[in-house]
Amino acid sequence: MNESAVKKIVVLTSGGDAPGMNAALRAVVRTASHYNIDCYGVREGFNGLINNDFTKMGPRSVKHIISEGGTILRSARSLQFKTPEGRKKAYENCLQHGIEGIVCIGGDGTFRGAKVFYEEYGIRVIGVPGTIDNDIFGTDNTIGYDTALNTAMDAIDKIRDTATSHNRVFFVEVMGRDAGFIALNSGLATGAIDILIPERKDSIEELFATFERAEKAGKSSSIVVVAEGERMGSIYDIAKATQNSFPQYDIRVAVLGHIQRGGSPSCADRVLASRLGYGAVVGLMEGKTNVMVGMQSNRMVYTAIEEAIKKHNEIDQDLLKISEILAI
């Protein structure tokens, strides 16, 4: 590799945590060390840049963290970084440490902050997509998605055991404020009778028709998986409306919540995070900036941050069709 375009970099984790962030951090630090680049960790995302919370990191700083959930650097959503004054202070601290590049591990909010910081001050930035929602354009999967998906699937499998034992109908809410990837895939994997996601215009009438078909088919218990961003209403409103129309049903609601963000990352997430952390450092060395590193068709690619946050991965319509056919 030719002479590196950077000699000193920082790495931070920002926004919602995701399983595999530590694996990505480990890859960034050890790749930097391999190429004789000084690497600093910044605690609590962009807040750390503002508060001058820089820590020199080396290979031993990241030992034994590849299997840990969360992020050892901690994460935060920085309101102060959204102000010109906050970003100016962050830039001054970067200047003080001689920082030439920043690796930002997070989601679209993190990337928006990185993009503005680069445009205002010219410090090279590369984003690493770490979010369980899998809604970032420019990569087939985001760090944390596979683990969250398997956590949701495991929880729904357990819920099905009690649903079957008591002939109950369970409405299970999974994470996905604006994206239904976890809901669709976990619902298909667990045999849900219906899957409600924000990308599709669902209706209560269609849901009721599904229950009627299930009754005729002889189903005595059912699971409905609902993304938290479902536009038809809250999971409790949907369950109440169903109870009113089907008073004979024994209905329960389960909200999986933040268990989907925690836990040891899966093999797939550890490998993905390692590849993307490596790719972020190599990208900075090659002079790339204002881009996000991702994996598409098992190839490392770099996508302009503006494009990554403007577009979104689309739901696979074939999976929707398959889930409907196999449900009853």
C-alpha atoms as a PDB file:
ATOM      1  CA  MET A   1       0.000   0.000   0.000  1.00  0.00           C
ATOM      2  CA  ASN A   2       1.220   3.502  -0.828  1.00  0.00           C
ATOM      3  CA  GLU A   3       1.937   6.155   1.797  1.00  0.00           C
ATOM      4  CA  SER A   4      -1.086   6.605   4.067  1.00  0.00           C
ATOM      5  CA  ALA A   5      -3.123   9.790   3.737  1.00  0.00           C
ATOM      6  CA  VAL A   6      -3.606   9.821   7.538  1.00  0.00           C
ATOM      7  CA  LYS A   7      -1.273   9.332  10.508  1.00  0.00           C
ATOM      8  CA  LYS A   8      -3.677   9.982  13.386  1.00  0.00           C
ATOM      9  CA  ILE A   9      -7.326   8.940  13.571  1.00  0.00           C
ATOM     10  CA  VAL A  10     -10.123   8.674  16.108  1.00  0.00           C
ATOM     11  CA  VAL A  11     -12.929   6.144  16.336  1.00  0.00           C
ATOM     12  CA  LEU A  12     -16.280   6.676  18.038  1.00  0.00           C
ATOM     13  CA  THR A  13     -19.628   4.921  18.452  1.00  0.00           C
ATOM     14  CA  SER A  14     -22.745   7.043  18.287  1.00  0.00           C
ATOM     15  CA  GLY A  15     -26.526   6.701  18.420  1.00  0.00           C
ATOM     16  CA  GLY A  16     -28.250   3.482  19.433  1.00  0.00           C
ATOM     17  CA  ASP A  17     -25.908   0.653  20.358  1.00  0.00           C
ATOM     18  CA  ALA A  18     -25.816  -2.510  18.267  1.00  0.00           C
ATOM     19  CA  PRO A  19     -24.218  -5.936  18.869  1.00  0.00           C
ATOM     20  CA  GLY A  20     -20.909  -5.975  16.984  1.00  0.00           C
ATOM     21  CA  MET A  21     -19.905  -2.369  17.626  1.00  0.00           C
ATOM     22  CA  ASN A  22     -17.072  -3.619  19.839  1.00  0.00           C
ATOM     23  CA  ALA A  23     -15.935  -5.999  17.114  1.00  0.00           C
ATOM     24  CA  ALA A  24     -15.822  -3.064  14.661  1.00  0.00           C
ATOM     25  CA  LEU A  25     -13.925  -0.931  17.174  1.00  0.00           C
ATOM     26  CA  ARG A  26     -11.425  -3.756  17.660  1.00  0.00           C
ATOM     27  CA  ALA A  27     -10.897  -4.016  13.916  1.00  0.00           C
ATOM     28  CA  VAL A  28     -10.329  -0.270  13.546  1.00  0.00           C
ATOM     29  CA  VAL A  29      -7.775  -0.128  16.377  1.00  0.00           C
ATOM     30  CA  ARG A  30      -5.812  -3.195  15.313  1.00  0.00           C
ATOM     31  CA  THR A  31      -5.814  -2.292  11.615  1.00  0.00           C
ATOM     32  CA  ALA A  32      -4.535   1.178  12.487  1.00  0.00           C
ATOM     33  CA  SER A  33      -1.818  -0.351  14.662  1.00  0.00           C
ATOM     34  CA  HIS A  34      -0.790  -2.726  11.859  1.00  0.00           C
ATOM     35  CA  TYR A  35      -0.253   0.218   9.510  1.00  0.00           C
ATOM     36  CA  ASN A  36       1.492   2.380  12.159  1.00  0.00           C
ATOM     37  CA  ILE A  37      -1.374   4.849  12.467  1.00  0.00           C
ATOM     38  CA  ASP A  38      -2.059   6.411  15.873  1.00  0.00           C
ATOM     39  CA  CYS A  39      -5.610   5.662  16.954  1.00  0.00           C
ATOM     40  CA  TYR A  40      -7.625   7.335  19.689  1.00  0.00           C
ATOM     41  CA  GLY A  41     -10.943   6.223  21.075  1.00  0.00           C
ATOM     42  CA  VAL A  42     -13.549   8.895  21.824  1.00  0.00           C
ATOM     43  CA  ARG A  43     -16.049   8.217  24.579  1.00  0.00           C
ATOM     44  CA  GLU A  44     -19.794   8.857  24.209  1.00  0.00           C
ATOM     45  CA  GLY A  45     -19.843   9.629  20.505  1.00  0.00           C
ATOM     46  CA  PHE A  46     -19.622  13.217  19.311  1.00  0.00           C
ATOM     47  CA  ASN A  47     -19.908  14.383  22.924  1.00  0.00           C
ATOM     48  CA  GLY A  48     -16.405  13.030  23.425  1.00  0.00           C
ATOM     49  CA  LEU A  49     -15.063  15.202  20.614  1.00  0.00           C
ATOM     50  CA  ILE A  50     -16.605  18.242  22.295  1.00  0.00           C
ATOM     51  CA  ASN A  51     -15.498  17.258  25.821  1.00  0.00           C
ATOM     52  CA  ASN A  52     -11.960  16.347  24.682  1.00  0.00           C
ATOM     53  CA  ASP A  53     -12.421  12.781  25.953  1.00  0.00           C
ATOM     54  CA  PHE A  54      -9.723  11.113  23.819  1.00  0.00           C
ATOM     55  CA  THR A  55      -7.962   7.885  24.831  1.00  0.00           C
ATOM     56  CA  LYS A  56      -4.942   6.462  22.990  1.00  0.00           C
ATOM     57  CA  MET A  57      -5.711   2.889  21.972  1.00  0.00           C
ATOM     58  CA  GLY A  58      -3.598  -0.047  20.871  1.00  0.00           C
ATOM     59  CA  PRO A  59      -4.070  -3.763  20.209  1.00  0.00           C
ATOM     60  CA  ARG A  60      -4.255  -4.620  23.930  1.00  0.00           C
ATOM     61  CA  SER A  61      -6.894  -1.907  24.510  1.00  0.00           C
ATOM     62  CA  VAL A  62      -9.409  -4.002  22.596  1.00  0.00           C
ATOM     63  CA  LYS A  63      -8.579  -7.506  23.807  1.00  0.00           C
ATOM     64  CA  HIS A  64     -11.497  -9.827  24.617  1.00  0.00           C
ATOM     65  CA  ILE A  65     -14.159  -7.404  23.354  1.00  0.00           C
ATOM     66  CA  ILE A  66     -15.060  -9.112  20.067  1.00  0.00           C
ATOM     67  CA  SER A  67     -17.692 -11.216  21.861  1.00  0.00           C
ATOM     68  CA  GLU A  68     -19.154  -8.389  23.957  1.00  0.00           C
ATOM     69  CA  GLY A  69     -22.395  -6.577  23.171  1.00  0.00           C
ATOM     70  CA  GLY A  70     -22.775  -2.817  23.561  1.00  0.00           C
ATOM     71  CA  THR A  71     -19.742  -0.583  23.141  1.00  0.00           C
ATOM     72  CA  ILE A  72     -16.809  -0.061  25.510  1.00  0.00           C
ATOM     73  CA  LEU A  73     -16.553   3.532  24.275  1.00  0.00           C
ATOM     74  CA  ARG A  74     -20.176   4.147  25.301  1.00  0.00           C
ATOM     75  CA  SER A  75     -22.624   5.833  22.971  1.00  0.00           C
ATOM     76  CA  ALA A  76     -24.771   8.953  23.025  1.00  0.00           C
ATOM     77  CA  ARG A  77     -26.887  11.213  20.875  1.00  0.00           C
ATOM     78  CA  SER A  78     -25.242  14.627  21.052  1.00  0.00           C
ATOM     79  CA  LEU A  79     -27.537  17.641  20.973  1.00  0.00           C
ATOM     80  CA  GLN A  80     -24.546  19.962  21.410  1.00  0.00           C
ATOM     81  CA  PHE A  81     -22.874  18.598  18.268  1.00  0.00           C
ATOM     82  CA  LYS A  82     -25.911  19.740  16.289  1.00  0.00           C
ATOM     83  CA  THR A  83     -24.938  23.355  17.046  1.00  0.00           C
ATOM     84  CA  PRO A  84     -22.175  25.276  15.203  1.00  0.00           C
ATOM     85  CA  GLU A  85     -20.587  26.092  18.574  1.00  0.00           C
ATOM     86  CA  GLY A  86     -20.424  22.423  19.539  1.00  0.00           C
ATOM     87  CA  ARG A  87     -18.853  21.395  16.251  1.00  0.00           C
ATOM     88  CA  LYS A  88     -16.322  24.243  16.464  1.00  0.00           C
ATOM     89  CA  LYS A  89     -15.212  23.031  19.888  1.00  0.00           C
ATOM     90  CA  ALA A  90     -14.967  19.472  18.559  1.00  0.00           C
ATOM     91  CA  TYR A  91     -12.793  20.682  15.669  1.00  0.00           C
ATOM     92  CA  GLU A  92     -10.483  22.600  17.987  1.00  0.00           C
ATOM     93  CA  ASN A  93      -9.960  19.459  20.077  1.00  0.00           C
ATOM     94  CA  CYS A  94      -9.208  17.459  16.931  1.00  0.00           C
ATOM     95  CA  LEU A  95      -6.648  20.079  15.922  1.00  0.00           C
ATOM     96  CA  GLN A  96      -5.060  19.916  19.365  1.00  0.00           C
ATOM     97  CA  HIS A  97      -4.510  16.158  18.962  1.00  0.00           C
ATOM     98  CA  GLY A  98      -3.501  16.364  15.293  1.00  0.00           C
ATOM     99  CA  ILE A  99      -6.422  14.204  14.177  1.00  0.00           C
ATOM    100  CA  GLU A 100      -6.657  13.688  10.403  1.00  0.00           C
ATOM    101  CA  GLY A 101      -9.487  11.174  10.122  1.00  0.00           C
ATOM    102  CA  ILE A 102     -12.562   9.987  12.012  1.00  0.00           C
ATOM    103  CA  VAL A 103     -14.240   6.570  11.921  1.00  0.00           C
ATOM    104  CA  CYS A 104     -17.874   6.938  12.978  1.00  0.00           C
ATOM    105  CA  ILE A 105     -19.704   3.723  13.903  1.00  0.00           C
ATOM    106  CA  GLY A 106     -23.474   4.218  13.994  1.00  0.00           C
ATOM    107  CA  GLY A 107     -26.612   4.854  11.963  1.00  0.00           C
ATOM    108  CA  ASP A 108     -28.012   7.620   9.790  1.00  0.00           C
ATOM    109  CA  GLY A 109     -27.990  10.231  12.588  1.00  0.00           C
ATOM    110  CA  THR A 110     -24.307   9.542  13.156  1.00  0.00           C
ATOM    111  CA  PHE A 111     -23.607   9.845   9.450  1.00  0.00           C
ATOM    112  CA  ARG A 112     -25.458  13.159   9.208  1.00  0.00           C
ATOM    113  CA  GLY A 113     -23.241  14.570  11.952  1.00  0.00           C
ATOM    114  CA  ALA A 114     -20.093  13.254  10.267  1.00  0.00           C
ATOM    115  CA  LYS A 115     -21.135  14.720   6.910  1.00  0.00           C
ATOM    116  CA  VAL A 116     -21.722  18.200   8.342  1.00  0.00           C
ATOM    117  CA  PHE A 117     -18.434  18.071  10.272  1.00  0.00           C
ATOM    118  CA  TYR A 118     -16.490  17.199   7.128  1.00  0.00           C
ATOM    119  CA  GLU A 119     -18.216  19.901   5.065  1.00  0.00           C
ATOM    120  CA  GLU A 120     -17.474  22.558   7.677  1.00  0.00           C
ATOM    121  CA  TYR A 121     -13.922  21.619   8.656  1.00  0.00           C
ATOM    122  CA  GLY A 122     -12.545  19.201   6.075  1.00  0.00           C
ATOM    123  CA  ILE A 123     -11.462  16.423   8.451  1.00  0.00           C
ATOM    124  CA  ARG A 124     -11.784  13.088   6.654  1.00  0.00           C
ATOM    125  CA  VAL A 125     -14.680  10.955   7.869  1.00  0.00           C
ATOM    126  CA  ILE A 126     -15.758   7.391   7.095  1.00  0.00           C
ATOM    127  CA  GLY A 127     -18.945   5.834   8.417  1.00  0.00           C
ATOM    128  CA  VAL A 128     -19.374   2.230   9.563  1.00  0.00           C
ATOM    129  CA  PRO A 129     -23.049   1.148   9.587  1.00  0.00           C
ATOM    130  CA  GLY A 130     -23.935  -0.077  13.080  1.00  0.00           C
ATOM    131  CA  THR A 131     -27.690  -0.340  13.665  1.00  0.00           C
ATOM    132  CA  ILE A 132     -30.036  -3.247  14.261  1.00  0.00           C
ATOM    133  CA  ASP A 133     -32.673  -1.797  11.899  1.00  0.00           C
ATOM    134  CA  ASN A 134     -30.730  -2.680   8.699  1.00  0.00           C
ATOM    135  CA  ASP A 135     -32.122   0.440   7.014  1.00  0.00           C
ATOM    136  CA  ILE A 136     -28.865   2.004   5.768  1.00  0.00           C
ATOM    137  CA  PHE A 137     -28.415   2.131   2.000  1.00  0.00           C
ATOM    138  CA  GLY A 138     -25.100   0.918   0.593  1.00  0.00           C
ATOM    139  CA  THR A 139     -24.685  -2.334   2.504  1.00  0.00           C
ATOM    140  CA  ASP A 140     -26.574  -5.627   2.407  1.00  0.00           C
ATOM    141  CA  ASN A 141     -26.514  -5.866   6.207  1.00  0.00           C
ATOM    142  CA  THR A 142     -25.705  -3.467   9.026  1.00  0.00           C
ATOM    143  CA  ILE A 143     -23.741  -4.439  12.125  1.00  0.00           C
ATOM    144  CA  GLY A 144     -26.104  -5.759  14.789  1.00  0.00           C
ATOM    145  CA  TYR A 145     -28.978  -6.720  12.509  1.00  0.00           C
ATOM    146  CA  ASP A 146     -28.252 -10.446  12.410  1.00  0.00           C
ATOM    147  CA  THR A 147     -27.912 -10.672  16.199  1.00  0.00           C
ATOM    148  CA  ALA A 148     -31.102  -8.678  16.814  1.00  0.00           C
ATOM    149  CA  LEU A 149     -32.940 -10.846  14.305  1.00  0.00           C
ATOM    150  CA  ASN A 150     -31.858 -14.036  16.023  1.00  0.00           C
ATOM    151  CA  THR A 151     -32.746 -12.591  19.439  1.00  0.00           C
ATOM    152  CA  ALA A 152     -36.239 -11.750  18.182  1.00  0.00           C
ATOM    153  CA  MET A 153     -36.641 -15.175  16.590  1.00  0.00           C
ATOM    154  CA  ASP A 154     -35.586 -16.958  19.761  1.00  0.00           C
ATOM    155  CA  ALA A 155     -38.025 -14.902  21.868  1.00  0.00           C
ATOM    156  CA  ILE A 156     -40.928 -15.503  19.470  1.00  0.00           C
ATOM    157  CA  ASP A 157     -40.191 -19.240  19.440  1.00  0.00           C
ATOM    158  CA  LYS A 158     -40.566 -19.243  23.233  1.00  0.00           C
ATOM    159  CA  ILE A 159     -43.777 -17.212  23.029  1.00  0.00           C
ATOM    160  CA  ARG A 160     -45.190 -19.710  20.550  1.00  0.00           C
ATOM    161  CA  ASP A 161     -44.736 -22.482  23.115  1.00  0.00           C
ATOM    162  CA  THR A 162     -47.094 -20.765  25.539  1.00  0.00           C
ATOM    163  CA  ALA A 163     -49.435 -19.631  22.754  1.00  0.00           C
ATOM    164  CA  THR A 164     -49.844 -23.227  21.618  1.00  0.00           C
ATOM    165  CA  SER A 165     -50.271 -24.546  25.156  1.00  0.00           C
ATOM    166  CA  HIS A 166     -53.141 -22.144  25.894  1.00  0.00           C
ATOM    167  CA  ASN A 167     -54.651 -21.641  22.407  1.00  0.00           C
ATOM    168  CA  ARG A 168     -53.750 -17.973  22.574  1.00  0.00           C
ATOM    169  CA  VAL A 169     -53.208 -15.212  20.032  1.00  0.00           C
ATOM    170  CA  PHE A 170     -50.023 -13.237  20.681  1.00  0.00           C
ATOM    171  CA  PHE A 171     -49.203  -9.846  19.197  1.00  0.00           C
ATOM    172  CA  VAL A 172     -45.405  -9.497  19.422  1.00  0.00           C
ATOM    173  CA  GLU A 173     -43.755  -6.123  18.882  1.00  0.00           C
ATOM    174  CA  VAL A 174     -40.183  -6.044  17.580  1.00  0.00           C
ATOM    175  CA  MET A 175     -37.927  -3.054  16.974  1.00  0.00           C
ATOM    176  CA  GLY A 176     -38.071  -1.126  13.723  1.00  0.00           C
ATOM    177  CA  ARG A 177     -39.221   2.473  14.021  1.00  0.00           C
ATOM    178  CA  ASP A 178     -39.065   3.143  10.283  1.00  0.00           C
ATOM    179  CA  ALA A 179     -38.042  -0.245   8.921  1.00  0.00           C
ATOM    180  CA  GLY A 180     -39.680  -3.661   9.009  1.00  0.00           C
ATOM    181  CA  PHE A 181     -36.657  -5.884   8.333  1.00  0.00           C
ATOM    182  CA  ILE A 182     -36.604  -7.480  11.787  1.00  0.00           C
ATOM    183  CA  ALA A 183     -40.386  -7.949  11.770  1.00  0.00           C
ATOM    184  CA  LEU A 184     -40.528  -9.478   8.290  1.00  0.00           C
ATOM    185  CA  ASN A 185     -37.648 -11.893   8.684  1.00  0.00           C
ATOM    186  CA  SER A 186     -38.377 -12.946  12.265  1.00  0.00           C
ATOM    187  CA  GLY A 187     -42.051 -13.330  11.379  1.00  0.00           C
ATOM    188  CA  LEU A 188     -41.271 -15.531   8.405  1.00  0.00           C
ATOM    189  CA  ALA A 189     -38.753 -17.562  10.422  1.00  0.00           C
ATOM    190  CA  THR A 190     -41.246 -18.227  13.238  1.00  0.00           C
ATOM    191  CA  GLY A 191     -44.339 -18.912  11.146  1.00  0.00           C
ATOM    192  CA  ALA A 192     -46.270 -15.779  12.121  1.00  0.00           C
ATOM    193  CA  ILE A 193     -49.836 -15.664  10.840  1.00  0.00           C
ATOM    194  CA  ASP A 194     -49.385 -11.999   9.881  1.00  0.00           C
ATOM    195  CA  ILE A 195     -46.572  -9.440   9.823  1.00  0.00           C
ATOM    196  CA  LEU A 196     -47.273  -5.708  10.156  1.00  0.00           C
ATOM    197  CA  ILE A 197     -44.555  -3.340   8.936  1.00  0.00           C
ATOM    198  CA  PRO A 198     -44.322   0.422   8.260  1.00  0.00           C
ATOM    199  CA  GLU A 199     -43.297  -0.028   4.598  1.00  0.00           C
ATOM    200  CA  ARG A 200     -46.654  -1.558   3.706  1.00  0.00           C
ATOM    201  CA  LYS A 201     -50.120  -0.021   4.040  1.00  0.00           C
ATOM    202  CA  ASP A 202     -51.770  -2.495   6.390  1.00  0.00           C
ATOM    203  CA  SER A 203     -55.423  -2.392   7.378  1.00  0.00           C
ATOM    204  CA  ILE A 204     -57.366  -3.832  10.290  1.00  0.00           C
ATOM    205  CA  GLU A 205     -59.812  -5.377   7.828  1.00  0.00           C
ATOM    206  CA  GLU A 206     -57.013  -7.361   6.150  1.00  0.00           C
ATOM    207  CA  LEU A 207     -55.783  -8.520   9.554  1.00  0.00           C
ATOM    208  CA  PHE A 208     -59.285  -9.695  10.501  1.00  0.00           C
ATOM    209  CA  ALA A 209     -59.604 -11.516   7.175  1.00  0.00           C
ATOM    210  CA  THR A 210     -56.356 -13.340   7.973  1.00  0.00           C
ATOM    211  CA  PHE A 211     -57.762 -14.479  11.313  1.00  0.00           C
ATOM    212  CA  GLU A 212     -60.929 -15.703   9.599  1.00  0.00           C
ATOM    213  CA  ARG A 213     -58.900 -17.741   7.112  1.00  0.00           C
ATOM    214  CA  ALA A 214     -56.864 -19.169   9.986  1.00  0.00           C
ATOM    215  CA  GLU A 215     -60.036 -20.239  11.797  1.00  0.00           C
ATOM    216  CA  LYS A 216     -61.306 -22.042   8.709  1.00  0.00           C
ATOM    217  CA  ALA A 217     -57.926 -23.760   8.368  1.00  0.00           C
ATOM    218  CA  GLY A 218     -58.227 -25.032  11.940  1.00  0.00           C
ATOM    219  CA  LYS A 219     -55.492 -22.939  13.576  1.00  0.00           C
ATOM    220  CA  SER A 220     -56.040 -22.720  17.340  1.00  0.00           C
ATOM    221  CA  SER A 221     -53.175 -20.342  18.206  1.00  0.00           C
ATOM    222  CA  SER A 222     -51.474 -17.566  16.291  1.00  0.00           C
ATOM    223  CA  ILE A 223     -48.558 -15.149  16.354  1.00  0.00           C
ATOM    224  CA  VAL A 224     -48.741 -11.688  14.776  1.00  0.00           C
ATOM    225  CA  VAL A 225     -45.400  -9.867  14.541  1.00  0.00           C
ATOM    226  CA  VAL A 226     -45.650  -6.067  14.587  1.00  0.00           C
ATOM    227  CA  ALA A 227     -42.841  -3.585  13.865  1.00  0.00           C
ATOM    228  CA  GLU A 228     -42.815  -0.778  16.434  1.00  0.00           C
ATOM    229  CA  GLY A 229     -43.223   1.763  13.624  1.00  0.00           C
ATOM    230  CA  GLU A 230     -46.402   0.146  12.229  1.00  0.00           C
ATOM    231  CA  ARG A 231     -48.588   3.016  10.984  1.00  0.00           C
ATOM    232  CA  MET A 232     -51.941   1.374  11.713  1.00  0.00           C
ATOM    233  CA  GLY A 233     -51.533   2.185  15.407  1.00  0.00           C
ATOM    234  CA  SER A 234     -49.882   0.906  18.552  1.00  0.00           C
ATOM    235  CA  ILE A 235     -49.734  -2.807  19.179  1.00  0.00           C
ATOM    236  CA  TYR A 236     -52.138  -2.346  22.095  1.00  0.00           C
ATOM    237  CA  ASP A 237     -54.709  -0.567  19.889  1.00  0.00           C
ATOM    238  CA  ILE A 238     -54.444  -3.326  17.278  1.00  0.00           C
ATOM    239  CA  ALA A 239     -54.839  -6.033  19.917  1.00  0.00           C
ATOM    240  CA  LYS A 240     -57.847  -4.266  21.468  1.00  0.00           C
ATOM    241  CA  ALA A 241     -59.572  -3.899  18.098  1.00  0.00           C
ATOM    242  CA  THR A 242     -58.967  -7.600  17.429  1.00  0.00           C
ATOM    243  CA  GLN A 243     -60.387  -8.566  20.825  1.00  0.00           C
ATOM    244  CA  ASN A 244     -63.541  -6.530  20.139  1.00  0.00           C
ATOM    245  CA  SER A 245     -64.108  -8.290  16.826  1.00  0.00           C
ATOM    246  CA  PHE A 246     -63.057 -11.751  18.045  1.00  0.00           C
ATOM    247  CA  PRO A 247     -64.212 -11.895  21.696  1.00  0.00           C
ATOM    248  CA  GLN A 248     -63.624 -15.654  21.781  1.00  0.00           C
ATOM    249  CA  TYR A 249     -59.847 -15.138  21.392  1.00  0.00           C
ATOM    250  CA  ASP A 250     -57.485 -15.208  24.368  1.00  0.00           C
ATOM    251  CA  ILE A 251     -55.193 -12.345  23.307  1.00  0.00           C
ATOM    252  CA  ARG A 252     -51.847 -11.330  24.785  1.00  0.00           C
ATOM    253  CA  VAL A 253     -49.319  -8.621  23.878  1.00  0.00           C
ATOM    254  CA  ALA A 254     -45.540  -9.013  24.171  1.00  0.00           C
ATOM    255  CA  VAL A 255     -43.135  -6.119  23.541  1.00  0.00           C
ATOM    256  CA  LEU A 256     -39.586  -7.438  23.101  1.00  0.00           C
ATOM    257  CA  GLY A 257     -37.952  -4.016  23.451  1.00  0.00           C
ATOM    258  CA  HIS A 258     -34.284  -3.479  24.081  1.00  0.00           C
ATOM    259  CA  ILE A 259     -33.308  -7.125  24.536  1.00  0.00           C
ATOM    260  CA  GLN A 260     -32.889  -6.977  20.754  1.00  0.00           C
ATOM    261  CA  ARG A 261     -30.008  -4.513  21.115  1.00  0.00           C
ATOM    262  CA  GLY A 262     -28.039  -6.438  23.704  1.00  0.00           C
ATOM    263  CA  GLY A 263     -26.179  -9.688  23.915  1.00  0.00           C
ATOM    264  CA  SER A 264     -23.112 -11.250  22.387  1.00  0.00           C
ATOM    265  CA  PRO A 265     -22.960 -10.624  18.618  1.00  0.00           C
ATOM    266  CA  SER A 266     -23.521 -13.511  16.245  1.00  0.00           C
ATOM    267  CA  CYS A 267     -20.737 -14.953  14.101  1.00  0.00           C
ATOM    268  CA  ALA A 268     -22.124 -13.087  11.079  1.00  0.00           C
ATOM    269  CA  ASP A 269     -22.048  -9.758  12.938  1.00  0.00           C
ATOM    270  CA  ARG A 270     -18.520 -10.327  14.266  1.00  0.00           C
ATOM    271  CA  VAL A 271     -17.205 -11.093  10.790  1.00  0.00           C
ATOM    272  CA  LEU A 272     -19.103  -8.189   9.192  1.00  0.00           C
ATOM    273  CA  ALA A 273     -17.890  -5.758  11.855  1.00  0.00           C
ATOM    274  CA  SER A 274     -14.307  -6.942  11.439  1.00  0.00           C
ATOM    275  CA  ARG A 275     -14.423  -6.466   7.666  1.00  0.00           C
ATOM    276  CA  LEU A 276     -16.021  -3.023   7.875  1.00  0.00           C
ATOM    277  CA  GLY A 277     -13.706  -1.780  10.638  1.00  0.00           C
ATOM    278  CA  TYR A 278     -10.730  -2.839   8.527  1.00  0.00           C
ATOM    279  CA  GLY A 279     -12.298  -1.240   5.453  1.00  0.00           C
ATOM    280  CA  ALA A 280     -12.831   2.068   7.241  1.00  0.00           C
ATOM    281  CA  VAL A 281      -9.146   2.423   8.129  1.00  0.00           C
ATOM    282  CA  VAL A 282      -7.987   1.349   4.676  1.00  0.00           C
ATOM    283  CA  GLY A 283     -10.406   3.847   3.139  1.00  0.00           C
ATOM    284  CA  LEU A 284      -8.957   6.696   5.193  1.00  0.00           C
ATOM    285  CA  MET A 285      -5.431   5.602   4.262  1.00  0.00           C
ATOM    286  CA  GLU A 286      -6.395   5.752   0.584  1.00  0.00           C
ATOM    287  CA  GLY A 287      -7.713   9.304   1.017  1.00  0.00           C
ATOM    288  CA  LYS A 288     -11.412   8.468   0.918  1.00  0.00           C
ATOM    289  CA  THR A 289     -13.743  10.740   2.876  1.00  0.00           C
ATOM    290  CA  ASN A 290     -17.414  11.512   3.433  1.00  0.00           C
ATOM    291  CA  VAL A 291     -18.258   7.902   2.557  1.00  0.00           C
ATOM    292  CA  MET A 292     -19.646   4.834   4.316  1.00  0.00           C
ATOM    293  CA  VAL A 293     -18.030   1.424   4.020  1.00  0.00           C
ATOM    294  CA  GLY A 294     -20.390  -1.489   3.398  1.00  0.00           C
ATOM    295  CA  MET A 295     -20.659  -5.012   2.008  1.00  0.00           C
ATOM    296  CA  GLN A 296     -22.666  -5.742  -1.144  1.00  0.00           C
ATOM    297  CA  SER A 297     -22.715  -9.245  -2.646  1.00  0.00           C
ATOM    298  CA  ASN A 298     -19.765 -10.096  -0.384  1.00  0.00           C
ATOM    299  CA  ARG A 299     -17.686  -7.233  -1.790  1.00  0.00           C
ATOM    300  CA  MET A 300     -16.483  -4.211   0.154  1.00  0.00           C
ATOM    301  CA  VAL A 301     -17.880  -0.986  -1.279  1.00  0.00           C
ATOM    302  CA  TYR A 302     -17.810   2.701  -0.383  1.00  0.00           C
ATOM    303  CA  THR A 303     -20.990   4.767  -0.705  1.00  0.00           C
ATOM    304  CA  ALA A 304     -21.244   8.548  -0.389  1.00  0.00           C
ATOM    305  CA  ILE A 305     -22.703   9.359   3.034  1.00  0.00           C
ATOM    306  CA  GLU A 306     -25.247  11.652   1.412  1.00  0.00           C
ATOM    307  CA  GLU A 307     -26.535   8.722  -0.638  1.00  0.00           C
ATOM    308  CA  ALA A 308     -26.446   6.331   2.332  1.00  0.00           C
ATOM    309  CA  ILE A 309     -28.705   8.573   4.434  1.00  0.00           C
ATOM    310  CA  LYS A 310     -30.969   9.738   1.603  1.00  0.00           C
ATOM    311  CA  LYS A 311     -31.896   6.285   0.326  1.00  0.00           C
ATOM    312  CA  HIS A 312     -33.050   3.225   2.257  1.00  0.00           C
ATOM    313  CA  ASN A 313     -32.814  -0.506   1.750  1.00  0.00           C
ATOM    314  CA  GLU A 314     -36.100  -1.802   0.398  1.00  0.00           C
ATOM    315  CA  ILE A 315     -38.199  -4.622   1.797  1.00  0.00           C
ATOM    316  CA  ASP A 316     -38.010  -7.814  -0.262  1.00  0.00           C
ATOM    317  CA  GLN A 317     -41.472  -8.180  -1.796  1.00  0.00           C
ATOM    318  CA  ASP A 318     -40.850 -11.876  -2.460  1.00  0.00           C
ATOM    319  CA  LEU A 319     -40.407 -12.455   1.273  1.00  0.00           C
ATOM    320  CA  LEU A 320     -43.734 -10.737   1.947  1.00  0.00           C
ATOM    321  CA  LYS A 321     -45.431 -12.999  -0.562  1.00  0.00           C
ATOM    322  CA  ILE A 322     -43.762 -16.111   0.832  1.00  0.00           C
ATOM    323  CA  SER A 323     -44.729 -15.198   4.410  1.00  0.00           C
ATOM    324  CA  GLU A 324     -48.379 -14.866   3.373  1.00  0.00           C
ATOM    325  CA  ILE A 325     -48.444 -18.195   1.532  1.00  0.00           C
ATOM    326  CA  LEU A 326     -46.717 -20.145   4.302  1.00  0.00           C
ATOM    327  CA  ALA A 327     -48.604 -18.592   7.232  1.00  0.00           C
ATOM    328  CA  ILE A 328     -51.821 -20.627   6.945  1.00  0.00           C
END
